[in-house]
Structures are given as structure tokens and as C-alpha cells.
Protein backbone atom coordinates (compact mmCIF):
# COMPACT_ATOMS: atom_id res chain seq x y z
CA MET A 1 327.34 -16.95 -37.68
CA ASP A 2 325.23 -16.62 -34.53
CA LYS A 3 321.77 -15.97 -36.02
CA THR A 4 319.80 -16.01 -32.77
CA VAL A 5 317.56 -13.10 -31.84
CA ALA A 6 316.38 -12.32 -28.33
CA THR A 7 312.69 -11.70 -28.96
CA ALA A 8 310.00 -12.44 -31.52
CA ARG A 9 309.46 -8.69 -31.95
CA GLU A 10 313.10 -8.29 -32.94
CA ALA A 11 312.83 -11.23 -35.35
CA VAL A 12 310.11 -9.54 -37.44
CA ALA A 13 310.96 -5.89 -36.73
CA ASP A 14 311.58 -5.03 -40.40
CA LEU A 15 308.56 -6.83 -41.87
CA PRO A 16 306.54 -4.13 -43.70
CA ASP A 17 302.94 -3.69 -44.78
CA GLY A 18 302.19 -5.60 -47.98
CA ALA A 19 304.97 -8.12 -47.50
CA SER A 20 304.69 -11.62 -48.94
CA LEU A 21 305.09 -14.44 -46.41
CA ALA A 22 305.68 -18.17 -46.82
CA VAL A 23 304.45 -19.75 -43.60
CA GLY A 24 305.14 -23.33 -42.57
CA GLY A 25 302.83 -25.75 -40.84
CA PHE A 26 300.23 -28.34 -41.65
CA GLY A 27 296.93 -27.88 -39.84
CA LEU A 28 298.16 -26.98 -36.36
CA SER A 29 301.36 -28.99 -36.65
CA GLY A 30 304.59 -27.05 -36.96
CA VAL A 31 302.92 -23.63 -37.11
CA PRO A 32 305.17 -20.69 -36.08
CA ASP A 33 302.60 -19.29 -33.64
CA VAL A 34 305.03 -17.10 -31.71
CA LEU A 35 306.33 -15.34 -34.82
CA ILE A 36 302.80 -14.92 -36.16
CA GLY A 37 301.83 -13.36 -32.84
CA ALA A 38 304.72 -10.91 -33.15
CA VAL A 39 303.59 -9.94 -36.66
CA TYR A 40 300.10 -9.33 -35.26
CA GLU A 41 301.44 -7.15 -32.44
CA ARG A 42 303.39 -5.01 -34.93
CA GLY A 43 300.11 -4.12 -36.64
CA VAL A 44 301.27 -4.66 -40.21
CA GLY A 45 298.62 -5.42 -42.82
CA GLY A 46 297.98 -6.07 -46.49
CA LEU A 47 300.00 -9.27 -46.19
CA ARG A 48 300.23 -11.77 -49.04
CA VAL A 49 300.47 -15.21 -47.48
CA VAL A 50 301.57 -18.52 -48.98
CA SER A 51 300.67 -21.45 -46.74
CA ASN A 52 298.95 -24.83 -46.96
CA ASN A 53 296.05 -23.50 -44.89
CA CYS A 54 295.20 -20.23 -43.14
CA GLY A 55 295.06 -21.32 -39.51
CA ALA A 56 292.50 -23.22 -37.46
CA LEU A 57 290.86 -22.98 -34.03
CA ASP A 58 291.89 -19.32 -33.79
CA ARG A 59 295.53 -20.35 -33.98
CA GLY A 60 298.28 -19.62 -36.44
CA LEU A 61 297.39 -17.44 -39.41
CA ALA A 62 293.77 -17.31 -38.21
CA VAL A 63 294.95 -14.58 -35.80
CA LEU A 64 296.03 -12.33 -38.68
CA LEU A 65 293.05 -13.32 -40.81
CA ALA A 66 290.49 -12.38 -38.15
CA ALA A 67 292.19 -9.00 -37.70
CA GLY A 68 291.89 -8.23 -41.42
CA ARG A 69 295.66 -8.15 -41.89
CA ILE A 70 295.79 -10.59 -44.84
CA ALA A 71 295.01 -9.38 -48.36
CA ARG A 72 295.80 -12.53 -50.35
CA VAL A 73 296.26 -16.23 -49.65
CA THR A 74 297.93 -18.79 -51.87
CA GLY A 75 297.09 -22.20 -50.42
CA SER A 76 295.42 -25.52 -50.94
CA TYR A 77 292.98 -25.97 -48.06
CA ILE A 78 290.25 -23.86 -46.48
CA GLY A 79 289.05 -26.67 -44.21
CA ALA A 80 286.87 -25.77 -41.24
CA ASN A 81 288.08 -22.17 -41.08
CA LYS A 82 284.71 -20.40 -41.33
CA GLU A 83 286.19 -16.90 -41.20
CA PHE A 84 288.47 -17.76 -44.12
CA ALA A 85 285.48 -18.95 -46.15
CA ARG A 86 283.41 -15.90 -45.15
CA GLN A 87 286.04 -13.37 -46.17
CA TYR A 88 286.66 -15.19 -49.45
CA LEU A 89 282.98 -15.37 -50.43
CA ALA A 90 282.37 -11.79 -49.30
CA GLY A 91 285.09 -10.48 -51.58
CA GLU A 92 287.27 -9.28 -48.71
CA LEU A 93 290.11 -11.69 -49.47
CA GLU A 94 291.84 -12.82 -52.64
CA VAL A 95 292.48 -16.58 -52.63
CA GLU A 96 294.47 -18.70 -55.06
CA LEU A 97 293.62 -22.34 -54.38
CA ILE A 98 296.00 -24.82 -56.00
CA PRO A 99 296.61 -28.57 -55.68
CA GLN A 100 298.52 -29.37 -52.49
CA GLY A 101 301.38 -31.17 -54.23
CA THR A 102 301.70 -28.32 -56.71
CA LEU A 103 301.92 -25.83 -53.83
CA ALA A 104 304.71 -27.85 -52.25
CA GLU A 105 306.62 -28.06 -55.53
CA ARG A 106 306.14 -24.37 -56.31
CA LEU A 107 307.74 -23.50 -52.96
CA ARG A 108 310.54 -26.02 -53.48
CA ALA A 109 311.19 -24.77 -57.01
CA GLY A 110 311.31 -21.15 -55.91
CA GLY A 111 313.77 -21.98 -53.18
CA ALA A 112 315.94 -23.93 -55.63
CA GLY A 113 316.06 -21.08 -58.13
CA ILE A 114 313.77 -22.82 -60.64
CA PRO A 115 311.41 -20.24 -62.17
CA ALA A 116 308.79 -22.69 -63.46
CA PHE A 117 308.05 -26.37 -64.09
CA PHE A 118 305.52 -28.59 -65.84
CA THR A 119 303.18 -30.92 -63.94
CA PRO A 120 300.19 -33.07 -64.96
CA ALA A 121 298.21 -32.00 -61.88
CA GLY A 122 295.31 -29.78 -62.94
CA VAL A 123 295.36 -30.50 -66.68
CA GLY A 124 291.84 -30.49 -68.08
CA THR A 125 290.48 -28.43 -65.17
CA GLN A 126 290.16 -24.73 -64.34
CA VAL A 127 293.59 -24.97 -62.72
CA ALA A 128 295.01 -25.04 -66.24
CA ASP A 129 292.16 -23.53 -68.26
CA GLY A 130 291.62 -20.52 -65.97
CA GLY A 131 288.41 -19.18 -64.53
CA LEU A 132 288.89 -20.13 -60.89
CA PRO A 133 287.52 -17.31 -58.69
CA TRP A 134 290.42 -15.55 -57.00
CA ARG A 135 288.20 -12.80 -55.65
CA TYR A 136 284.42 -12.50 -55.45
CA ASP A 137 282.58 -9.20 -55.76
CA GLY A 138 280.52 -9.70 -52.59
CA SER A 139 277.32 -10.30 -54.56
CA GLY A 140 278.01 -13.81 -55.79
CA GLY A 141 279.87 -12.75 -58.91
CA VAL A 142 283.55 -13.17 -59.70
CA ALA A 143 285.64 -9.99 -59.61
CA VAL A 144 289.03 -11.59 -60.37
CA ALA A 145 289.48 -14.99 -62.02
CA SER A 146 292.61 -17.05 -62.55
CA PRO A 147 294.23 -16.74 -65.99
CA PRO A 148 294.80 -19.72 -68.30
CA LYS A 149 298.21 -21.40 -68.09
CA GLU A 150 300.42 -22.84 -70.76
CA VAL A 151 299.84 -26.54 -71.47
CA ARG A 152 302.37 -28.64 -73.39
CA THR A 153 302.57 -32.28 -74.40
CA PHE A 154 305.57 -34.43 -73.48
CA ASP A 155 305.70 -38.07 -74.59
CA GLY A 156 301.98 -38.04 -75.26
CA THR A 157 300.97 -36.60 -71.88
CA GLU A 158 299.76 -33.06 -71.26
CA TYR A 159 301.40 -30.92 -68.57
CA VAL A 160 300.57 -27.47 -67.22
CA LEU A 161 303.20 -24.81 -66.51
CA GLU A 162 303.41 -23.68 -62.87
CA ARG A 163 305.56 -20.85 -61.52
CA GLY A 164 307.99 -21.23 -58.65
CA ILE A 165 307.20 -19.17 -55.54
CA ARG A 166 309.53 -16.71 -53.85
CA THR A 167 308.45 -14.52 -50.93
CA ASP A 168 309.87 -11.57 -49.02
CA TYR A 169 309.87 -13.49 -45.74
CA ALA A 170 309.35 -17.02 -44.47
CA LEU A 171 308.20 -17.95 -40.96
CA VAL A 172 308.81 -21.53 -39.84
CA ARG A 173 308.93 -23.66 -36.70
CA ALA A 174 311.48 -26.39 -35.98
CA ALA A 175 311.78 -28.95 -33.23
CA LYS A 176 315.49 -28.32 -32.90
CA GLY A 177 318.03 -25.89 -34.30
CA ASP A 178 321.47 -24.47 -33.70
CA ARG A 179 322.84 -20.93 -33.75
CA HIS A 180 323.92 -21.33 -37.38
CA GLY A 181 320.32 -21.93 -38.45
CA ASN A 182 320.54 -25.66 -39.14
CA LEU A 183 317.09 -27.09 -38.43
CA VAL A 184 315.45 -30.40 -37.59
CA PHE A 185 311.68 -30.86 -37.94
CA ARG A 186 309.49 -33.45 -36.25
CA ARG A 187 307.07 -35.67 -38.17
CA SER A 188 304.16 -33.77 -39.78
CA ALA A 189 305.87 -30.44 -39.10
CA ARG A 190 308.32 -31.42 -41.82
CA ASN A 191 305.63 -31.29 -44.54
CA PHE A 192 305.75 -27.61 -45.48
CA ASN A 193 308.26 -25.97 -43.13
CA PRO A 194 311.46 -26.84 -45.06
CA LEU A 195 309.83 -25.82 -48.36
CA ALA A 196 308.55 -22.52 -46.98
CA ALA A 197 311.95 -21.80 -45.46
CA THR A 198 313.78 -22.11 -48.78
CA ALA A 199 311.27 -19.86 -50.55
CA GLY A 200 311.78 -16.84 -48.28
CA ARG A 201 314.40 -14.21 -49.01
CA ILE A 202 314.55 -13.61 -45.23
CA THR A 203 313.70 -16.74 -43.27
CA VAL A 204 312.96 -16.62 -39.55
CA ALA A 205 312.77 -19.87 -37.60
CA GLU A 206 311.37 -20.35 -34.11
CA VAL A 207 312.95 -23.42 -32.52
CA GLU A 208 311.65 -25.46 -29.62
CA GLU A 209 315.15 -26.55 -28.58
CA LEU A 210 318.28 -24.53 -29.29
CA VAL A 211 321.58 -26.43 -29.34
CA GLU A 212 325.14 -25.32 -29.93
CA PRO A 213 326.83 -25.68 -33.34
CA GLY A 214 328.22 -29.16 -33.78
CA GLU A 215 325.64 -30.88 -31.58
CA LEU A 216 323.38 -31.78 -34.49
CA ASP A 217 324.33 -34.86 -36.48
CA PRO A 218 324.82 -33.54 -40.03
CA ASP A 219 322.89 -36.53 -41.37
CA SER A 220 319.91 -35.51 -39.22
CA VAL A 221 319.68 -31.91 -40.46
CA HIS A 222 316.55 -31.38 -42.57
CA LEU A 223 317.31 -27.79 -43.55
CA PRO A 224 320.84 -26.31 -43.83
CA GLY A 225 321.47 -23.02 -42.10
CA ILE A 226 322.26 -21.26 -45.37
CA PHE A 227 318.49 -20.88 -45.88
CA VAL A 228 317.90 -19.31 -42.45
CA GLN A 229 318.73 -15.71 -41.48
CA ARG A 230 317.26 -15.52 -37.94
CA VAL A 231 316.69 -18.05 -35.17
CA LEU A 232 314.30 -17.42 -32.27
CA PRO A 233 314.74 -19.81 -29.31
CA LEU A 234 311.37 -20.53 -27.67
CA THR A 235 310.79 -20.69 -23.95
CA PRO A 236 309.75 -24.10 -22.53
CA GLY A 237 306.21 -22.80 -22.19
CA GLN A 238 306.07 -21.61 -25.79
CA ALA A 239 307.54 -24.88 -27.03
CA ALA A 240 304.94 -26.91 -25.12
CA ASP A 241 301.96 -24.80 -26.23
CA LYS A 242 300.45 -27.12 -28.85
CA GLU A 243 296.85 -27.95 -29.68
CA ILE A 244 295.24 -30.86 -31.50
CA GLU A 245 292.93 -29.79 -34.31
CA ARG A 246 290.82 -32.94 -34.31
CA ARG A 247 291.09 -35.43 -31.49
CA THR A 248 289.93 -38.94 -32.37
CA VAL A 249 289.87 -41.65 -29.69
CA SER A 250 288.62 -45.21 -29.58
CA GLU A 251 286.83 -46.98 -26.75
């Protein structure tokens, strides 16, 4: 029942080339930077990543992206990541952009064993009709476009069919966790981390504070340990290493 691992390298030692990864975080909040760094050091490539965004300010997944280790991204936000946009438009990266709420539900559904679901988000757009550019050809043309999806009417409203997402691995970051893998997330870090964690067949969690089993109030646990296979306790320095993507202050 003790799922702790000693090092980040050990935590991702069996992650192969071409693996699919669900990665938690929202902007720079709750991003498993230490585990991502270990994946980078291993030198694996051709990764298929599912995440809200693909890093920012040279942090998070931006490290793997800049090194050319990512082959495909399923996400909802490019943001100010210029390298992400460059690779996408140059045809170096396949990108499936989907509505943010749909991404969250696809991860949740996959983790819950639900193969597909219907949602109104995207009906009447290329999300449902197909034709969104997944990969450009480098000359301004579209090499791979999204296929059309099934649309059905329920009670007079149209809904589009979306598939649940399952990945080979999931990398997440929690504010607190115990040796059994029970996790607690803090504020914005709770947006995508629990969903990503359930979607991974092997889920690795880096935790800022490791506690002993029984110390967490069961009512405070956001993710049960049954979804987590490995727990990496962070050092105080690693836990404190956090950046703010956009700092806004008033006079």
C-alpha cells in the first residue's frame, strides 16, 4: 500500500516513446513540473499529450514541446505559447482543440469507464461538423482535418457525441497526499488534476506535502488513492518553486 517512490526518475522509468499522457494543471497552477522534468531527462519522444494547455513561460509541458518531444496535443488553449503556435502552424505538431468543458468531461468520462457521451457544446460548428485543422502541411494548407461527429436530437435539442479519454499515463501535482495515494488539491490546481488522474492507466502524483495514512480527513480527500499508482514526495524547494503566469497589481 506504500506507493511512494524515491525519485522522479524512478516514477517515470517505464514511460516509453509514443506514450499518451494526461497532464494536470491550469496555466502554471498545479503543473507537475518535477515529473515533466524527469520525462525530459529520460529523452523519450513522440508523446501524445492531453492537457488544458501546453505549458507557459518555458515551464511545464513547454519544456517537452521546445525539445520536439511531443507529437500530438489534445487541449483547449494555446494562449501566449508562441512555440506551440509555431509548431502547429508549421505542421510539426498535431493539435486537437476542443471546448474546455468538453475536455474536462472527456477526461472524467474516461476515468469513470464511460466510453462516450452527448453534449450540446460545439453543435453547429466545426467541432461537430468536422474540418478543424489537426495538422497543417507547413504551406498554409490542411494536412489532417477533424472528422465529423454524430449529432442526435434529445427533447428538441441537438447534441454531439464525444469520446471519453483514456491515456497510458497521467502526471499530476497535489498539495497534500499520503502513502496510499489519497490526494488533496489546492484551489485552481483542482481544475484538471483530479480528472487527468482518473484518466491514466498508470497515474503518478507529485505531492508538496506527504503525510501518513490516516492523517487526511476522509471528507477532505479530492481523489481516492485507488486512482494513483505512484506518489513522489517533493522537497521543500521543489514544492515552493512556483511562478505566476500573469501578475496583475493595483496602485
